[in-house]
Amino acid sequence: MITNIMVSGIVQGVGFRYATKQRAEVLNLKGYATNNADGTVSIRVDGENEQIQRFITEITNNPTQFGRVDHIDVSTINTKEDYHGFSIK
């Protein structure tokens, strides 16, 4: 199952995508994180539901030293994509 996560707050210019990549790799999640023009970050992850929930909790509670998460929207897609690791776009 693939999960889309839209994160708002202080999430650009603070190393948020890189921290997200590190957490995803530790949890064996695949996908990507990308900055959006409106200041949000979009994340798409593929993996086990338990690991995805842990990932969401971790990025929400401990984004980065200078980052802050104000809001997260989560949705799932019932499709399969073939990601090779977790990348930053």
PDB file of N, CA and C in Angstrom:
ATOM      1  N   MET A   1       0.838  -1.179   0.000  1.00  0.00           N
ATOM      2  CA  MET A   1       0.000   0.000   0.000  1.00  0.00           C
ATOM      3  C   MET A   1       0.886   1.245   0.000  1.00  0.00           C
ATOM      4  N   ILE A   2       0.511   2.212  -0.772  1.00  0.00           N
ATOM      5  CA  ILE A   2       1.264   3.457  -0.859  1.00  0.00           C
ATOM      6  C   ILE A   2       0.522   4.541  -0.093  1.00  0.00           C
ATOM      7  N   THR A   3       1.279   5.315   0.675  1.00  0.00           N
ATOM      8  CA  THR A   3       0.706   6.384   1.480  1.00  0.00           C
ATOM      9  C   THR A   3       1.253   7.719   1.015  1.00  0.00           C
ATOM     10  N   ASN A   4       0.349   8.666   0.782  1.00  0.00           N
ATOM     11  CA  ASN A   4       0.717  10.048   0.474  1.00  0.00           C
ATOM     12  C   ASN A   4       0.624  10.857   1.754  1.00  0.00           C
ATOM     13  N   ILE A   5       1.644  11.662   2.018  1.00  0.00           N
ATOM     14  CA  ILE A   5       1.677  12.492   3.214  1.00  0.00           C
ATOM     15  C   ILE A   5       2.002  13.915   2.779  1.00  0.00           C
ATOM     16  N   MET A   6       1.155  14.865   3.149  1.00  0.00           N
ATOM     17  CA  MET A   6       1.393  16.282   2.874  1.00  0.00           C
ATOM     18  C   MET A   6       1.675  16.952   4.217  1.00  0.00           C
ATOM     19  N   VAL A   7       2.852  17.565   4.332  1.00  0.00           N
ATOM     20  CA  VAL A   7       3.294  18.128   5.602  1.00  0.00           C
ATOM     21  C   VAL A   7       3.410  19.642   5.477  1.00  0.00           C
ATOM     22  N   SER A   8       2.797  20.356   6.419  1.00  0.00           N
ATOM     23  CA  SER A   8       2.923  21.812   6.442  1.00  0.00           C
ATOM     24  C   SER A   8       3.526  22.250   7.769  1.00  0.00           C
ATOM     25  N   GLY A   9       4.114  23.419   7.759  1.00  0.00           N
ATOM     26  CA  GLY A   9       4.797  23.972   8.929  1.00  0.00           C
ATOM     27  C   GLY A   9       6.118  24.563   8.470  1.00  0.00           C
ATOM     28  N   ILE A  10       7.119  24.489   9.318  1.00  0.00           N
ATOM     29  CA  ILE A  10       8.467  24.911   8.927  1.00  0.00           C
ATOM     30  C   ILE A  10       9.187  23.642   8.475  1.00  0.00           C
ATOM     31  N   VAL A  11       9.029  23.340   7.192  1.00  0.00           N
ATOM     32  CA  VAL A  11       9.528  22.068   6.660  1.00  0.00           C
ATOM     33  C   VAL A  11      10.415  22.233   5.426  1.00  0.00           C
ATOM     34  N   GLN A  12      10.675  23.463   5.017  1.00  0.00           N
ATOM     35  CA  GLN A  12      11.595  23.699   3.903  1.00  0.00           C
ATOM     36  C   GLN A  12      12.762  24.534   4.406  1.00  0.00           C
ATOM     37  N   GLY A  13      13.957  24.190   3.945  1.00  0.00           N
ATOM     38  CA  GLY A  13      15.157  24.922   4.329  1.00  0.00           C
ATOM     39  C   GLY A  13      15.686  24.560   5.708  1.00  0.00           C
ATOM     40  N   VAL A  14      15.181  23.459   6.278  1.00  0.00           N
ATOM     41  CA  VAL A  14      15.603  23.049   7.621  1.00  0.00           C
ATOM     42  C   VAL A  14      16.081  21.599   7.659  1.00  0.00           C
ATOM     43  N   GLY A  15      16.304  20.990   6.497  1.00  0.00           N
ATOM     44  CA  GLY A  15      16.773  19.611   6.429  1.00  0.00           C
ATOM     45  C   GLY A  15      15.694  18.565   6.629  1.00  0.00           C
ATOM     46  N   PHE A  16      14.442  18.974   6.491  1.00  0.00           N
ATOM     47  CA  PHE A  16      13.327  18.060   6.751  1.00  0.00           C
ATOM     48  C   PHE A  16      13.319  16.867   5.796  1.00  0.00           C
ATOM     49  N   ARG A  17      13.513  17.106   4.500  1.00  0.00           N
ATOM     50  CA  ARG A  17      13.489  15.991   3.544  1.00  0.00           C
ATOM     51  C   ARG A  17      14.622  15.003   3.807  1.00  0.00           C
ATOM     52  N   TYR A  18      15.784  15.507   4.202  1.00  0.00           N
ATOM     53  CA  TYR A  18      16.914  14.623   4.490  1.00  0.00           C
ATOM     54  C   TYR A  18      16.656  13.798   5.748  1.00  0.00           C
ATOM     55  N   ALA A  19      16.072  14.422   6.766  1.00  0.00           N
ATOM     56  CA  ALA A  19      15.707  13.688   7.982  1.00  0.00           C
ATOM     57  C   ALA A  19      14.642  12.645   7.665  1.00  0.00           C
ATOM     58  N   THR A  20      13.716  13.007   6.776  1.00  0.00           N
ATOM     59  CA  THR A  20      12.670  12.081   6.351  1.00  0.00           C
ATOM     60  C   THR A  20      13.287  10.869   5.651  1.00  0.00           C
ATOM     61  N   LYS A  21      14.254  11.119   4.795  1.00  0.00           N
ATOM     62  CA  LYS A  21      14.942  10.033   4.081  1.00  0.00           C
ATOM     63  C   LYS A  21      15.635   9.092   5.062  1.00  0.00           C
ATOM     64  N   GLN A  22      16.320   9.640   6.048  1.00  0.00           N
ATOM     65  CA  GLN A  22      17.011   8.809   7.034  1.00  0.00           C
ATOM     66  C   GLN A  22      16.026   7.932   7.796  1.00  0.00           C
ATOM     67  N   ARG A  23      14.916   8.502   8.225  1.00  0.00           N
ATOM     68  CA  ARG A  23      13.920   7.725   8.968  1.00  0.00           C
ATOM     69  C   ARG A  23      13.301   6.644   8.085  1.00  0.00           C
ATOM     70  N   ALA A  24      13.018   6.996   6.843  1.00  0.00           N
ATOM     71  CA  ALA A  24      12.428   6.020   5.921  1.00  0.00           C
ATOM     72  C   ALA A  24      13.373   4.838   5.711  1.00  0.00           C
ATOM     73  N   GLU A  25      14.648   5.121   5.554  1.00  0.00           N
ATOM     74  CA  GLU A  25      15.613   4.046   5.329  1.00  0.00           C
ATOM     75  C   GLU A  25      15.730   3.133   6.547  1.00  0.00           C
ATOM     76  N   VAL A  26      15.728   3.701   7.747  1.00  0.00           N
ATOM     77  CA  VAL A  26      15.789   2.896   8.971  1.00  0.00           C
ATOM     78  C   VAL A  26      14.568   1.982   9.076  1.00  0.00           C
ATOM     79  N   LEU A  27      13.415   2.481   8.649  1.00  0.00           N
ATOM     80  CA  LEU A  27      12.170   1.720   8.733  1.00  0.00           C
ATOM     81  C   LEU A  27      11.908   0.868   7.491  1.00  0.00           C
ATOM     82  N   ASN A  28      12.867   0.840   6.576  1.00  0.00           N
ATOM     83  CA  ASN A  28      12.760   0.044   5.346  1.00  0.00           C
ATOM     84  C   ASN A  28      11.564   0.463   4.485  1.00  0.00           C
ATOM     85  N   LEU A  29      11.337   1.768   4.406  1.00  0.00           N
ATOM     86  CA  LEU A  29      10.275   2.305   3.558  1.00  0.00           C
ATOM     87  C   LEU A  29      10.895   2.813   2.268  1.00  0.00           C
ATOM     88  N   LYS A  30      10.132   2.752   1.207  1.00  0.00           N
ATOM     89  CA  LYS A  30      10.584   3.238  -0.095  1.00  0.00           C
ATOM     90  C   LYS A  30       9.670   4.372  -0.531  1.00  0.00           C
ATOM     91  N   GLY A  31      10.176   5.231  -1.406  1.00  0.00           N
ATOM     92  CA  GLY A  31       9.367   6.324  -1.918  1.00  0.00           C
ATOM     93  C   GLY A  31      10.194   7.570  -2.135  1.00  0.00           C
ATOM     94  N   TYR A  32       9.602   8.731  -1.831  1.00  0.00           N
ATOM     95  CA  TYR A  32      10.316   9.988  -2.037  1.00  0.00           C
ATOM     96  C   TYR A  32       9.692  11.118  -1.228  1.00  0.00           C
ATOM     97  N   ALA A  33      10.456  12.208  -1.092  1.00  0.00           N
ATOM     98  CA  ALA A  33       9.982  13.454  -0.492  1.00  0.00           C
ATOM     99  C   ALA A  33      10.349  14.584  -1.439  1.00  0.00           C
ATOM    100  N   THR A  34       9.441  15.539  -1.602  1.00  0.00           N
ATOM    101  CA  THR A  34       9.684  16.665  -2.499  1.00  0.00           C
ATOM    102  C   THR A  34       9.089  17.948  -1.936  1.00  0.00           C
ATOM    103  N   ASN A  35       9.782  19.068  -2.165  1.00  0.00           N
ATOM    104  CA  ASN A  35       9.250  20.371  -1.777  1.00  0.00           C
ATOM    105  C   ASN A  35       8.173  20.802  -2.756  1.00  0.00           C
ATOM    106  N   ASN A  36       7.180  21.518  -2.250  1.00  0.00           N
ATOM    107  CA  ASN A  36       6.132  22.101  -3.081  1.00  0.00           C
ATOM    108  C   ASN A  36       6.257  23.618  -3.066  1.00  0.00           C
ATOM    109  N   ALA A  37       5.756  24.262  -4.091  1.00  0.00           N
ATOM    110  CA  ALA A  37       5.851  25.712  -4.227  1.00  0.00           C
ATOM    111  C   ALA A  37       5.162  26.459  -3.089  1.00  0.00           C
ATOM    112  N   ASP A  38       4.172  25.841  -2.451  1.00  0.00           N
ATOM    113  CA  ASP A  38       3.431  26.517  -1.378  1.00  0.00           C
ATOM    114  C   ASP A  38       4.088  26.379  -0.005  1.00  0.00           C
ATOM    115  N   GLY A  39       5.299  25.817   0.057  1.00  0.00           N
ATOM    116  CA  GLY A  39       6.024  25.691   1.316  1.00  0.00           C
ATOM    117  C   GLY A  39       5.806  24.376   2.037  1.00  0.00           C
ATOM    118  N   THR A  40       4.964  23.517   1.496  1.00  0.00           N
ATOM    119  CA  THR A  40       4.738  22.204   2.093  1.00  0.00           C
ATOM    120  C   THR A  40       5.724  21.192   1.520  1.00  0.00           C
ATOM    121  N   VAL A  41       5.722  20.009   2.106  1.00  0.00           N
ATOM    122  CA  VAL A  41       6.512  18.894   1.587  1.00  0.00           C
ATOM    123  C   VAL A  41       5.564  17.733   1.334  1.00  0.00           C
ATOM    124  N   SER A  42       5.677  17.132   0.155  1.00  0.00           N
ATOM    125  CA  SER A  42       4.912  15.929  -0.183  1.00  0.00           C
ATOM    126  C   SER A  42       5.815  14.724  -0.018  1.00  0.00           C
ATOM    127  N   ILE A  43       5.273  13.708   0.633  1.00  0.00           N
ATOM    128  CA  ILE A  43       6.009  12.464   0.840  1.00  0.00           C
ATOM    129  C   ILE A  43       5.137  11.327   0.329  1.00  0.00           C
ATOM    130  N   ARG A  44       5.745  10.401  -0.372  1.00  0.00           N
ATOM    131  CA  ARG A  44       5.047   9.185  -0.798  1.00  0.00           C
ATOM    132  C   ARG A  44       5.881   8.013  -0.305  1.00  0.00           C
ATOM    133  N   VAL A  45       5.244   7.143   0.490  1.00  0.00           N
ATOM    134  CA  VAL A  45       5.971   5.999   1.037  1.00  0.00           C
ATOM    135  C   VAL A  45       5.242   4.703   0.734  1.00  0.00           C
ATOM    136  N   ASP A  46       6.038   3.666   0.576  1.00  0.00           N
ATOM    137  CA  ASP A  46       5.530   2.320   0.333  1.00  0.00           C
ATOM    138  C   ASP A  46       6.179   1.402   1.355  1.00  0.00           C
ATOM    139  N   GLY A  47       5.361   0.619   2.041  1.00  0.00           N
ATOM    140  CA  GLY A  47       5.896  -0.303   3.031  1.00  0.00           C
ATOM    141  C   GLY A  47       4.793  -0.882   3.889  1.00  0.00           C
ATOM    142  N   GLU A  48       5.195  -1.525   4.965  1.00  0.00           N
ATOM    143  CA  GLU A  48       4.247  -2.120   5.898  1.00  0.00           C
ATOM    144  C   GLU A  48       3.528  -1.022   6.677  1.00  0.00           C
ATOM    145  N   ASN A  49       2.229  -1.216   6.914  1.00  0.00           N
ATOM    146  CA  ASN A  49       1.416  -0.207   7.578  1.00  0.00           C
ATOM    147  C   ASN A  49       1.983   0.192   8.942  1.00  0.00           C
ATOM    148  N   GLU A  50       2.437  -0.773   9.715  1.00  0.00           N
ATOM    149  CA  GLU A  50       2.987  -0.476  11.044  1.00  0.00           C
ATOM    150  C   GLU A  50       4.200   0.444  10.941  1.00  0.00           C
ATOM    151  N   GLN A  51       5.057   0.188   9.964  1.00  0.00           N
ATOM    152  CA  GLN A  51       6.243   1.014   9.771  1.00  0.00           C
ATOM    153  C   GLN A  51       5.864   2.413   9.281  1.00  0.00           C
ATOM    154  N   ILE A  52       4.866   2.496   8.427  1.00  0.00           N
ATOM    155  CA  ILE A  52       4.412   3.800   7.937  1.00  0.00           C
ATOM    156  C   ILE A  52       3.847   4.626   9.086  1.00  0.00           C
ATOM    157  N   GLN A  53       3.066   4.008   9.964  1.00  0.00           N
ATOM    158  CA  GLN A  53       2.510   4.735  11.109  1.00  0.00           C
ATOM    159  C   GLN A  53       3.622   5.234  12.029  1.00  0.00           C
ATOM    160  N   ARG A  54       4.619   4.415  12.241  1.00  0.00           N
ATOM    161  CA  ARG A  54       5.762   4.833  13.065  1.00  0.00           C
ATOM    162  C   ARG A  54       6.497   5.995  12.400  1.00  0.00           C
ATOM    163  N   PHE A  55       6.677   5.916  11.100  1.00  0.00           N
ATOM    164  CA  PHE A  55       7.320   6.974  10.321  1.00  0.00           C
ATOM    165  C   PHE A  55       6.569   8.294  10.482  1.00  0.00           C
ATOM    166  N   ILE A  56       5.250   8.255  10.349  1.00  0.00           N
ATOM    167  CA  ILE A  56       4.434   9.465  10.482  1.00  0.00           C
ATOM    168  C   ILE A  56       4.586  10.054  11.879  1.00  0.00           C
ATOM    169  N   THR A  57       4.554   9.210  12.890  1.00  0.00           N
ATOM    170  CA  THR A  57       4.725   9.681  14.269  1.00  0.00           C
ATOM    171  C   THR A  57       6.084  10.339  14.452  1.00  0.00           C
ATOM    172  N   GLU A  58       7.125   9.722  13.933  1.00  0.00           N
ATOM    173  CA  GLU A  58       8.478  10.258  14.092  1.00  0.00           C
ATOM    174  C   GLU A  58       8.669  11.590  13.381  1.00  0.00           C
ATOM    175  N   ILE A  59       8.187  11.709  12.149  1.00  0.00           N
ATOM    176  CA  ILE A  59       8.385  12.982  11.441  1.00  0.00           C
ATOM    177  C   ILE A  59       7.509  14.083  12.020  1.00  0.00           C
ATOM    178  N   THR A  60       6.399  13.715  12.643  1.00  0.00           N
ATOM    179  CA  THR A  60       5.528  14.711  13.271  1.00  0.00           C
ATOM    180  C   THR A  60       6.132  15.220  14.571  1.00  0.00           C
ATOM    181  N   ASN A  61       6.588  14.313  15.408  1.00  0.00           N
ATOM    182  CA  ASN A  61       7.066  14.684  16.740  1.00  0.00           C
ATOM    183  C   ASN A  61       8.496  15.194  16.763  1.00  0.00           C
ATOM    184  N   ASN A  62       9.322  14.783  15.826  1.00  0.00           N
ATOM    185  CA  ASN A  62      10.735  15.172  15.795  1.00  0.00           C
ATOM    186  C   ASN A  62      11.165  15.492  14.373  1.00  0.00           C
ATOM    187  N   PRO A  63      10.638  16.569  13.789  1.00  0.00           N
ATOM    188  CA  PRO A  63      10.939  16.840  12.374  1.00  0.00           C
ATOM    189  C   PRO A  63      12.430  17.088  12.126  1.00  0.00           C
ATOM    190  N   THR A  64      12.988  18.145  12.683  1.00  0.00           N
ATOM    191  CA  THR A  64      14.423  18.462  12.664  1.00  0.00           C
ATOM    192  C   THR A  64      14.634  19.477  13.773  1.00  0.00           C
ATOM    193  N   GLN A  65      15.877  19.819  14.021  1.00  0.00           N
ATOM    194  CA  GLN A  65      16.172  20.766  15.094  1.00  0.00           C
ATOM    195  C   GLN A  65      15.464  22.105  14.886  1.00  0.00           C
ATOM    196  N   PHE A  66      15.434  22.593  13.654  1.00  0.00           N
ATOM    197  CA  PHE A  66      14.843  23.897  13.381  1.00  0.00           C
ATOM    198  C   PHE A  66      13.495  23.809  12.683  1.00  0.00           C
ATOM    199  N   GLY A  67      13.025  22.607  12.427  1.00  0.00           N
ATOM    200  CA  GLY A  67      11.747  22.417  11.743  1.00  0.00           C
ATOM    201  C   GLY A  67      10.588  22.303  12.710  1.00  0.00           C
ATOM    202  N   ARG A  68       9.403  22.435  12.156  1.00  0.00           N
ATOM    203  CA  ARG A  68       8.182  22.280  12.949  1.00  0.00           C
ATOM    204  C   ARG A  68       7.078  21.790  12.023  1.00  0.00           C
ATOM    205  N   VAL A  69       6.358  20.778  12.457  1.00  0.00           N
ATOM    206  CA  VAL A  69       5.221  20.270  11.701  1.00  0.00           C
ATOM    207  C   VAL A  69       3.955  20.815  12.331  1.00  0.00           C
ATOM    208  N   ASP A  70       3.176  21.553  11.538  1.00  0.00           N
ATOM    209  CA  ASP A  70       1.907  22.103  12.015  1.00  0.00           C
ATOM    210  C   ASP A  70       0.729  21.219  11.649  1.00  0.00           C
ATOM    211  N   HIS A  71       0.816  20.567  10.492  1.00  0.00           N
ATOM    212  CA  HIS A  71      -0.321  19.769  10.031  1.00  0.00           C
ATOM    213  C   HIS A  71       0.164  18.696   9.057  1.00  0.00           C
ATOM    214  N   ILE A  72      -0.482  17.538   9.138  1.00  0.00           N
ATOM    215  CA  ILE A  72      -0.188  16.446   8.203  1.00  0.00           C
ATOM    216  C   ILE A  72      -1.504  15.914   7.659  1.00  0.00           C
ATOM    217  N   ASP A  73      -1.579  15.777   6.344  1.00  0.00           N
ATOM    218  CA  ASP A  73      -2.702  15.104   5.681  1.00  0.00           C
ATOM    219  C   ASP A  73      -2.179  13.777   5.153  1.00  0.00           C
ATOM    220  N   VAL A  74      -2.898  12.707   5.444  1.00  0.00           N
ATOM    221  CA  VAL A  74      -2.480  11.373   5.029  1.00  0.00           C
ATOM    222  C   VAL A  74      -3.585  10.730   4.204  1.00  0.00           C
ATOM    223  N   SER A  75      -3.207  10.148   3.076  1.00  0.00           N
ATOM    224  CA  SER A  75      -4.156   9.389   2.262  1.00  0.00           C
ATOM    225  C   SER A  75      -3.429   8.172   1.700  1.00  0.00           C
ATOM    226  N   THR A  76      -4.196   7.156   1.359  1.00  0.00           N
ATOM    227  CA  THR A  76      -3.595   5.943   0.810  1.00  0.00           C
ATOM    228  C   THR A  76      -4.057   5.727  -0.621  1.00  0.00           C
ATOM    229  N   ILE A  77      -3.209   5.051  -1.372  1.00  0.00           N
ATOM    230  CA  ILE A  77      -3.493   4.709  -2.757  1.00  0.00           C
ATOM    231  C   ILE A  77      -3.424   3.193  -2.862  1.00  0.00           C
ATOM    232  N   ASN A  78      -4.439   2.601  -3.393  1.00  0.00           N
ATOM    233  CA  ASN A  78      -4.449   1.147  -3.565  1.00  0.00           C
ATOM    234  C   ASN A  78      -3.840   0.768  -4.904  1.00  0.00           C
ATOM    235  N   THR A  79      -2.561   1.006  -5.009  1.00  0.00           N
ATOM    236  CA  THR A  79      -1.811   0.662  -6.207  1.00  0.00           C
ATOM    237  C   THR A  79      -0.416   0.251  -5.777  1.00  0.00           C
ATOM    238  N   LYS A  80       0.340  -0.274  -6.651  1.00  0.00           N
ATOM    239  CA  LYS A  80       1.709  -0.673  -6.342  1.00  0.00           C
ATOM    240  C   LYS A  80       2.648   0.026  -7.312  1.00  0.00           C
ATOM    241  N   GLU A  81       3.673   0.662  -6.767  1.00  0.00           N
ATOM    242  CA  GLU A  81       4.706   1.278  -7.589  1.00  0.00           C
ATOM    243  C   GLU A  81       6.037   0.667  -7.195  1.00  0.00           C
ATOM    244  N   ASP A  82       6.965   0.659  -8.106  1.00  0.00           N
ATOM    245  CA  ASP A  82       8.252   0.022  -7.867  1.00  0.00           C
ATOM    246  C   ASP A  82       9.303   1.079  -7.548  1.00  0.00           C
ATOM    247  N   TYR A  83       9.406   1.433  -6.272  1.00  0.00           N
ATOM    248  CA  TYR A  83      10.419   2.391  -5.839  1.00  0.00           C
ATOM    249  C   TYR A  83      11.704   1.641  -5.511  1.00  0.00           C
ATOM    250  N   HIS A  84      12.813   2.275  -5.795  1.00  0.00           N
ATOM    251  CA  HIS A  84      14.118   1.710  -5.460  1.00  0.00           C
ATOM    252  C   HIS A  84      14.721   2.580  -4.370  1.00  0.00           C
ATOM    253  N   GLY A  85      14.411   2.261  -3.126  1.00  0.00           N
ATOM    254  CA  GLY A  85      14.896   3.057  -2.009  1.00  0.00           C
ATOM    255  C   GLY A  85      14.033   4.282  -1.789  1.00  0.00           C
ATOM    256  N   PHE A  86      14.556   5.226  -1.033  1.00  0.00           N
ATOM    257  CA  PHE A  86      13.852   6.471  -0.737  1.00  0.00           C
ATOM    258  C   PHE A  86      14.691   7.615  -1.280  1.00  0.00           C
ATOM    259  N   SER A  87      14.081   8.487  -2.064  1.00  0.00           N
ATOM    260  CA  SER A  87      14.834   9.569  -2.698  1.00  0.00           C
ATOM    261  C   SER A  87      14.271  10.933  -2.320  1.00  0.00           C
ATOM    262  N   ILE A  88      15.096  11.931  -2.537  1.00  0.00           N
ATOM    263  CA  ILE A  88      14.703  13.325  -2.349  1.00  0.00           C
ATOM    264  C   ILE A  88      14.614  13.939  -3.727  1.00  0.00           C
ATOM    265  N   LYS A  89      13.477  14.527  -4.014  1.00  0.00           N
ATOM    266  CA  LYS A  89      13.282  15.151  -5.331  1.00  0.00           C
ATOM    267  C   LYS A  89      13.262  16.650  -5.192  1.00  0.00           C
TER     268      LYS A  89
END
